[in-house]
Amino acid sequence: MNEHFYKVIVEPQEEGGFTGFVPKLPGCVTEGETYEETIANLKEAITLYLETLNARQGRVIFDDTHMAEVSVSL
């Protein structure tokens, strides 16, 4: 079994908890009460997403996204 890496974004919510999503996998979104729970839920969501995609279409999407952080002065 090969290990693949996906970029994820985790955002705190005003009402508490976190929402996480995977930009490369449209609709792959989850939530958690803590950051750690959200990361664990993302791993499960990614696995299920890719297993379903592979079963239905016989393919897997790999993440080739490059991310950078930039700063601006205001």
PDB file of N, CA and C in Angstrom:
ATOM      1  N   MET A   1       0.856  -1.175   0.000  1.00  0.00           N
ATOM      2  CA  MET A   1       0.000   0.000   0.000  1.00  0.00           C
ATOM      3  C   MET A   1       0.903   1.240   0.000  1.00  0.00           C
ATOM      4  N   ASN A   2       0.662   2.139  -0.942  1.00  0.00           N
ATOM      5  CA  ASN A   2       1.437   3.369  -1.045  1.00  0.00           C
ATOM      6  C   ASN A   2       0.814   4.482  -0.222  1.00  0.00           C
ATOM      7  N   GLU A   3       1.664   5.299   0.347  1.00  0.00           N
ATOM      8  CA  GLU A   3       1.197   6.447   1.124  1.00  0.00           C
ATOM      9  C   GLU A   3       1.221   7.682   0.230  1.00  0.00           C
ATOM     10  N   HIS A   4       0.140   8.436   0.244  1.00  0.00           N
ATOM     11  CA  HIS A   4       0.032   9.666  -0.553  1.00  0.00           C
ATOM     12  C   HIS A   4      -0.310  10.818   0.377  1.00  0.00           C
ATOM     13  N   PHE A   5       0.125  11.996   0.012  1.00  0.00           N
ATOM     14  CA  PHE A   5      -0.074  13.173   0.842  1.00  0.00           C
ATOM     15  C   PHE A   5      -1.029  14.144   0.149  1.00  0.00           C
ATOM     16  N   TYR A   6      -1.934  14.737   0.924  1.00  0.00           N
ATOM     17  CA  TYR A   6      -2.902  15.700   0.421  1.00  0.00           C
ATOM     18  C   TYR A   6      -2.854  16.947   1.286  1.00  0.00           C
ATOM     19  N   LYS A   7      -2.913  18.103   0.647  1.00  0.00           N
ATOM     20  CA  LYS A   7      -2.990  19.353   1.401  1.00  0.00           C
ATOM     21  C   LYS A   7      -4.404  19.507   1.933  1.00  0.00           C
ATOM     22  N   VAL A   8      -4.509  19.935   3.170  1.00  0.00           N
ATOM     23  CA  VAL A   8      -5.810  20.163   3.789  1.00  0.00           C
ATOM     24  C   VAL A   8      -5.821  21.553   4.405  1.00  0.00           C
ATOM     25  N   ILE A   9      -6.993  22.099   4.537  1.00  0.00           N
ATOM     26  CA  ILE A   9      -7.179  23.385   5.200  1.00  0.00           C
ATOM     27  C   ILE A   9      -8.112  23.163   6.375  1.00  0.00           C
ATOM     28  N   VAL A  10      -7.703  23.642   7.537  1.00  0.00           N
ATOM     29  CA  VAL A  10      -8.506  23.510   8.752  1.00  0.00           C
ATOM     30  C   VAL A  10      -8.780  24.920   9.263  1.00  0.00           C
ATOM     31  N   GLU A  11     -10.048  25.236   9.436  1.00  0.00           N
ATOM     32  CA  GLU A  11     -10.453  26.574   9.876  1.00  0.00           C
ATOM     33  C   GLU A  11     -11.259  26.488  11.163  1.00  0.00           C
ATOM     34  N   PRO A  12     -10.935  27.330  12.143  1.00  0.00           N
ATOM     35  CA  PRO A  12     -11.763  27.368  13.355  1.00  0.00           C
ATOM     36  C   PRO A  12     -13.116  27.996  13.031  1.00  0.00           C
ATOM     37  N   GLN A  13     -14.147  27.536  13.715  1.00  0.00           N
ATOM     38  CA  GLN A  13     -15.493  28.067  13.513  1.00  0.00           C
ATOM     39  C   GLN A  13     -15.884  28.950  14.696  1.00  0.00           C
ATOM     40  N   GLU A  14     -16.629  30.018  14.428  1.00  0.00           N
ATOM     41  CA  GLU A  14     -17.040  30.953  15.481  1.00  0.00           C
ATOM     42  C   GLU A  14     -17.802  30.263  16.597  1.00  0.00           C
ATOM     43  N   GLU A  15     -18.627  29.291  16.241  1.00  0.00           N
ATOM     44  CA  GLU A  15     -19.454  28.586  17.228  1.00  0.00           C
ATOM     45  C   GLU A  15     -18.671  27.501  17.965  1.00  0.00           C
ATOM     46  N   GLY A  16     -17.406  27.329  17.609  1.00  0.00           N
ATOM     47  CA  GLY A  16     -16.559  26.312  18.218  1.00  0.00           C
ATOM     48  C   GLY A  16     -16.283  25.186  17.250  1.00  0.00           C
ATOM     49  N   GLY A  17     -15.227  24.465  17.502  1.00  0.00           N
ATOM     50  CA  GLY A  17     -14.857  23.370  16.627  1.00  0.00           C
ATOM     51  C   GLY A  17     -14.142  23.857  15.392  1.00  0.00           C
ATOM     52  N   PHE A  18     -13.905  22.921  14.480  1.00  0.00           N
ATOM     53  CA  PHE A  18     -13.148  23.205  13.267  1.00  0.00           C
ATOM     54  C   PHE A  18     -13.820  22.558  12.068  1.00  0.00           C
ATOM     55  N   THR A  19     -13.608  23.153  10.904  1.00  0.00           N
ATOM     56  CA  THR A  19     -14.014  22.569   9.638  1.00  0.00           C
ATOM     57  C   THR A  19     -12.750  22.336   8.829  1.00  0.00           C
ATOM     58  N   GLY A  20     -12.655  21.171   8.205  1.00  0.00           N
ATOM     59  CA  GLY A  20     -11.507  20.855   7.375  1.00  0.00           C
ATOM     60  C   GLY A  20     -11.956  20.444   5.988  1.00  0.00           C
ATOM     61  N   PHE A  21     -11.166  20.824   4.981  1.00  0.00           N
ATOM     62  CA  PHE A  21     -11.475  20.404   3.627  1.00  0.00           C
ATOM     63  C   PHE A  21     -10.202  20.175   2.831  1.00  0.00           C
ATOM     64  N   VAL A  22     -10.364  19.469   1.715  1.00  0.00           N
ATOM     65  CA  VAL A  22      -9.246  19.084   0.857  1.00  0.00           C
ATOM     66  C   VAL A  22      -9.451  19.765  -0.495  1.00  0.00           C
ATOM     67  N   PRO A  23      -8.692  20.809  -0.801  1.00  0.00           N
ATOM     68  CA  PRO A  23      -8.906  21.548  -2.048  1.00  0.00           C
ATOM     69  C   PRO A  23      -8.848  20.673  -3.307  1.00  0.00           C
ATOM     70  N   LYS A  24      -8.014  19.661  -3.332  1.00  0.00           N
ATOM     71  CA  LYS A  24      -7.865  18.819  -4.525  1.00  0.00           C
ATOM     72  C   LYS A  24      -9.025  17.845  -4.704  1.00  0.00           C
ATOM     73  N   LEU A  25      -9.810  17.614  -3.644  1.00  0.00           N
ATOM     74  CA  LEU A  25     -10.917  16.661  -3.699  1.00  0.00           C
ATOM     75  C   LEU A  25     -12.233  17.399  -3.442  1.00  0.00           C
ATOM     76  N   PRO A  26     -12.880  17.895  -4.482  1.00  0.00           N
ATOM     77  CA  PRO A  26     -14.110  18.676  -4.313  1.00  0.00           C
ATOM     78  C   PRO A  26     -15.158  17.936  -3.485  1.00  0.00           C
ATOM     79  N   GLY A  27     -15.688  18.624  -2.483  1.00  0.00           N
ATOM     80  CA  GLY A  27     -16.727  18.048  -1.637  1.00  0.00           C
ATOM     81  C   GLY A  27     -16.197  17.233  -0.473  1.00  0.00           C
ATOM     82  N   CYS A  28     -14.898  17.092  -0.361  1.00  0.00           N
ATOM     83  CA  CYS A  28     -14.310  16.333   0.751  1.00  0.00           C
ATOM     84  C   CYS A  28     -14.137  17.289   1.930  1.00  0.00           C
ATOM     85  N   VAL A  29     -15.144  17.302   2.797  1.00  0.00           N
ATOM     86  CA  VAL A  29     -15.229  18.245   3.912  1.00  0.00           C
ATOM     87  C   VAL A  29     -15.624  17.477   5.159  1.00  0.00           C
ATOM     88  N   THR A  30     -15.107  17.899   6.306  1.00  0.00           N
ATOM     89  CA  THR A  30     -15.483  17.278   7.570  1.00  0.00           C
ATOM     90  C   THR A  30     -15.354  18.302   8.685  1.00  0.00           C
ATOM     91  N   GLU A  31     -15.769  17.904   9.870  1.00  0.00           N
ATOM     92  CA  GLU A  31     -15.699  18.787  11.038  1.00  0.00           C
ATOM     93  C   GLU A  31     -15.153  18.004  12.225  1.00  0.00           C
ATOM     94  N   GLY A  32     -14.773  18.738  13.265  1.00  0.00           N
ATOM     95  CA  GLY A  32     -14.345  18.118  14.503  1.00  0.00           C
ATOM     96  C   GLY A  32     -14.408  19.119  15.635  1.00  0.00           C
ATOM     97  N   GLU A  33     -14.510  18.620  16.847  1.00  0.00           N
ATOM     98  CA  GLU A  33     -14.533  19.493  18.023  1.00  0.00           C
ATOM     99  C   GLU A  33     -13.162  20.098  18.289  1.00  0.00           C
ATOM    100  N   THR A  34     -12.096  19.339  17.981  1.00  0.00           N
ATOM    101  CA  THR A  34     -10.728  19.815  18.176  1.00  0.00           C
ATOM    102  C   THR A  34      -9.980  19.753  16.851  1.00  0.00           C
ATOM    103  N   TYR A  35      -8.821  20.419  16.811  1.00  0.00           N
ATOM    104  CA  TYR A  35      -7.975  20.364  15.623  1.00  0.00           C
ATOM    105  C   TYR A  35      -7.574  18.918  15.326  1.00  0.00           C
ATOM    106  N   GLU A  36      -7.156  18.201  16.356  1.00  0.00           N
ATOM    107  CA  GLU A  36      -6.706  16.823  16.195  1.00  0.00           C
ATOM    108  C   GLU A  36      -7.820  15.918  15.682  1.00  0.00           C
ATOM    109  N   GLU A  37      -9.027  16.105  16.211  1.00  0.00           N
ATOM    110  CA  GLU A  37     -10.169  15.314  15.746  1.00  0.00           C
ATOM    111  C   GLU A  37     -10.473  15.628  14.285  1.00  0.00           C
ATOM    112  N   THR A  38     -10.362  16.887  13.918  1.00  0.00           N
ATOM    113  CA  THR A  38     -10.611  17.283  12.530  1.00  0.00           C
ATOM    114  C   THR A  38      -9.601  16.645  11.585  1.00  0.00           C
ATOM    115  N   ILE A  39      -8.331  16.607  11.980  1.00  0.00           N
ATOM    116  CA  ILE A  39      -7.304  15.957  11.158  1.00  0.00           C
ATOM    117  C   ILE A  39      -7.605  14.464  11.012  1.00  0.00           C
ATOM    118  N   ALA A  40      -7.967  13.819  12.101  1.00  0.00           N
ATOM    119  CA  ALA A  40      -8.318  12.393  12.040  1.00  0.00           C
ATOM    120  C   ALA A  40      -9.520  12.170  11.129  1.00  0.00           C
ATOM    121  N   ASN A  41     -10.519  13.038  11.224  1.00  0.00           N
ATOM    122  CA  ASN A  41     -11.702  12.931  10.376  1.00  0.00           C
ATOM    123  C   ASN A  41     -11.348  13.173   8.909  1.00  0.00           C
ATOM    124  N   LEU A  42     -10.403  14.089   8.658  1.00  0.00           N
ATOM    125  CA  LEU A  42      -9.960  14.342   7.279  1.00  0.00           C
ATOM    126  C   LEU A  42      -9.292  13.107   6.686  1.00  0.00           C
ATOM    127  N   LYS A  43      -8.462  12.431   7.455  1.00  0.00           N
ATOM    128  CA  LYS A  43      -7.813  11.221   6.966  1.00  0.00           C
ATOM    129  C   LYS A  43      -8.846  10.177   6.568  1.00  0.00           C
ATOM    130  N   GLU A  44      -9.865  10.012   7.407  1.00  0.00           N
ATOM    131  CA  GLU A  44     -10.926   9.055   7.095  1.00  0.00           C
ATOM    132  C   GLU A  44     -11.716   9.498   5.863  1.00  0.00           C
ATOM    133  N   ALA A  45     -12.035  10.787   5.786  1.00  0.00           N
ATOM    134  CA  ALA A  45     -12.803  11.310   4.654  1.00  0.00           C
ATOM    135  C   ALA A  45     -12.032  11.154   3.345  1.00  0.00           C
ATOM    136  N   ILE A  46     -10.734  11.420   3.365  1.00  0.00           N
ATOM    137  CA  ILE A  46      -9.910  11.274   2.159  1.00  0.00           C
ATOM    138  C   ILE A  46      -9.890   9.816   1.718  1.00  0.00           C
ATOM    139  N   THR A  47      -9.692   8.909   2.659  1.00  0.00           N
ATOM    140  CA  THR A  47      -9.662   7.484   2.337  1.00  0.00           C
ATOM    141  C   THR A  47     -10.975   7.038   1.706  1.00  0.00           C
ATOM    142  N   LEU A  48     -12.089   7.414   2.303  1.00  0.00           N
ATOM    143  CA  LEU A  48     -13.403   7.032   1.765  1.00  0.00           C
ATOM    144  C   LEU A  48     -13.650   7.665   0.399  1.00  0.00           C
ATOM    145  N   TYR A  49     -13.270   8.915   0.237  1.00  0.00           N
ATOM    146  CA  TYR A  49     -13.429   9.626  -1.033  1.00  0.00           C
ATOM    147  C   TYR A  49     -12.680   8.874  -2.135  1.00  0.00           C
ATOM    148  N   LEU A  50     -11.403   8.552  -1.868  1.00  0.00           N
ATOM    149  CA  LEU A  50     -10.576   7.904  -2.882  1.00  0.00           C
ATOM    150  C   LEU A  50     -11.030   6.478  -3.158  1.00  0.00           C
ATOM    151  N   GLU A  51     -11.448   5.751  -2.137  1.00  0.00           N
ATOM    152  CA  GLU A  51     -11.963   4.388  -2.345  1.00  0.00           C
ATOM    153  C   GLU A  51     -13.219   4.411  -3.208  1.00  0.00           C
ATOM    154  N   THR A  52     -14.103   5.364  -2.942  1.00  0.00           N
ATOM    155  CA  THR A  52     -15.338   5.489  -3.725  1.00  0.00           C
ATOM    156  C   THR A  52     -15.026   5.881  -5.161  1.00  0.00           C
ATOM    157  N   LEU A  53     -14.140   6.854  -5.342  1.00  0.00           N
ATOM    158  CA  LEU A  53     -13.758   7.290  -6.689  1.00  0.00           C
ATOM    159  C   LEU A  53     -13.142   6.135  -7.465  1.00  0.00           C
ATOM    160  N   ASN A  54     -12.279   5.385  -6.825  1.00  0.00           N
ATOM    161  CA  ASN A  54     -11.629   4.255  -7.484  1.00  0.00           C
ATOM    162  C   ASN A  54     -12.642   3.175  -7.856  1.00  0.00           C
ATOM    163  N   ALA A  55     -13.598   2.901  -6.973  1.00  0.00           N
ATOM    164  CA  ALA A  55     -14.616   1.882  -7.248  1.00  0.00           C
ATOM    165  C   ALA A  55     -15.537   2.303  -8.387  1.00  0.00           C
ATOM    166  N   ARG A  56     -15.872   3.573  -8.447  1.00  0.00           N
ATOM    167  CA  ARG A  56     -16.824   4.059  -9.461  1.00  0.00           C
ATOM    168  C   ARG A  56     -16.162   4.368 -10.796  1.00  0.00           C
ATOM    169  N   GLN A  57     -14.961   4.932 -10.751  1.00  0.00           N
ATOM    170  CA  GLN A  57     -14.329   5.406 -11.986  1.00  0.00           C
ATOM    171  C   GLN A  57     -12.988   4.738 -12.282  1.00  0.00           C
ATOM    172  N   GLY A  58     -12.524   3.894 -11.377  1.00  0.00           N
ATOM    173  CA  GLY A  58     -11.269   3.196 -11.592  1.00  0.00           C
ATOM    174  C   GLY A  58     -10.048   4.103 -11.584  1.00  0.00           C
ATOM    175  N   ARG A  59     -10.123   5.178 -10.814  1.00  0.00           N
ATOM    176  CA  ARG A  59      -8.987   6.099 -10.768  1.00  0.00           C
ATOM    177  C   ARG A  59      -8.861   6.715  -9.383  1.00  0.00           C
ATOM    178  N   VAL A  60      -7.729   7.336  -9.153  1.00  0.00           N
ATOM    179  CA  VAL A  60      -7.449   8.047  -7.909  1.00  0.00           C
ATOM    180  C   VAL A  60      -6.877   9.406  -8.285  1.00  0.00           C
ATOM    181  N   ILE A  61      -7.254  10.435  -7.564  1.00  0.00           N
ATOM    182  CA  ILE A  61      -6.712  11.775  -7.785  1.00  0.00           C
ATOM    183  C   ILE A  61      -5.520  11.961  -6.849  1.00  0.00           C
ATOM    184  N   PHE A  62      -4.384  12.332  -7.421  1.00  0.00           N
ATOM    185  CA  PHE A  62      -3.203  12.612  -6.613  1.00  0.00           C
ATOM    186  C   PHE A  62      -3.052  14.117  -6.463  1.00  0.00           C
ATOM    187  N   ASP A  63      -2.536  14.549  -5.344  1.00  0.00           N
ATOM    188  CA  ASP A  63      -2.400  15.981  -5.054  1.00  0.00           C
ATOM    189  C   ASP A  63      -1.047  16.485  -5.545  1.00  0.00           C
ATOM    190  N   ASP A  64      -1.089  17.303  -6.583  1.00  0.00           N
ATOM    191  CA  ASP A  64       0.122  17.927  -7.110  1.00  0.00           C
ATOM    192  C   ASP A  64       0.105  19.441  -6.857  1.00  0.00           C
ATOM    193  N   THR A  65      -0.725  19.854  -5.921  1.00  0.00           N
ATOM    194  CA  THR A  65      -0.889  21.265  -5.592  1.00  0.00           C
ATOM    195  C   THR A  65       0.348  21.797  -4.878  1.00  0.00           C
ATOM    196  N   HIS A  66       0.771  22.983  -5.261  1.00  0.00           N
ATOM    197  CA  HIS A  66       1.851  23.676  -4.556  1.00  0.00           C
ATOM    198  C   HIS A  66       1.221  24.807  -3.767  1.00  0.00           C
ATOM    199  N   MET A  67       1.595  24.919  -2.514  1.00  0.00           N
ATOM    200  CA  MET A  67       1.038  25.962  -1.660  1.00  0.00           C
ATOM    201  C   MET A  67       2.164  26.874  -1.199  1.00  0.00           C
ATOM    202  N   ALA A  68       1.815  28.136  -1.062  1.00  0.00           N
ATOM    203  CA  ALA A  68       2.761  29.108  -0.555  1.00  0.00           C
ATOM    204  C   ALA A  68       2.025  30.081   0.348  1.00  0.00           C
ATOM    205  N   GLU A  69       2.719  30.614   1.285  1.00  0.00           N
ATOM    206  CA  GLU A  69       2.164  31.647   2.161  1.00  0.00           C
ATOM    207  C   GLU A  69       2.837  32.948   1.778  1.00  0.00           C
ATOM    208  N   VAL A  70       2.049  33.971   1.569  1.00  0.00           N
ATOM    209  CA  VAL A  70       2.594  35.281   1.212  1.00  0.00           C
ATOM    210  C   VAL A  70       2.177  36.298   2.236  1.00  0.00           C
ATOM    211  N   SER A  71       2.976  37.342   2.379  1.00  0.00           N
ATOM    212  CA  SER A  71       2.611  38.423   3.301  1.00  0.00           C
ATOM    213  C   SER A  71       2.412  39.699   2.503  1.00  0.00           C
ATOM    214  N   VAL A  72       1.532  40.531   3.001  1.00  0.00           N
ATOM    215  CA  VAL A  72       1.289  41.840   2.413  1.00  0.00           C
ATOM    216  C   VAL A  72       1.328  42.873   3.507  1.00  0.00           C
ATOM    217  N   SER A  73       1.678  44.074   3.147  1.00  0.00           N
ATOM    218  CA  SER A  73       1.701  45.166   4.108  1.00  0.00           C
ATOM    219  C   SER A  73       0.526  46.077   3.851  1.00  0.00           C
ATOM    220  N   LEU A  74      -0.166  46.463   4.900  1.00  0.00           N
ATOM    221  CA  LEU A  74      -1.306  47.365   4.771  1.00  0.00           C
ATOM    222  C   LEU A  74      -1.006  48.663   5.489  1.00  0.00           C
TER     223      LEU A  74
END
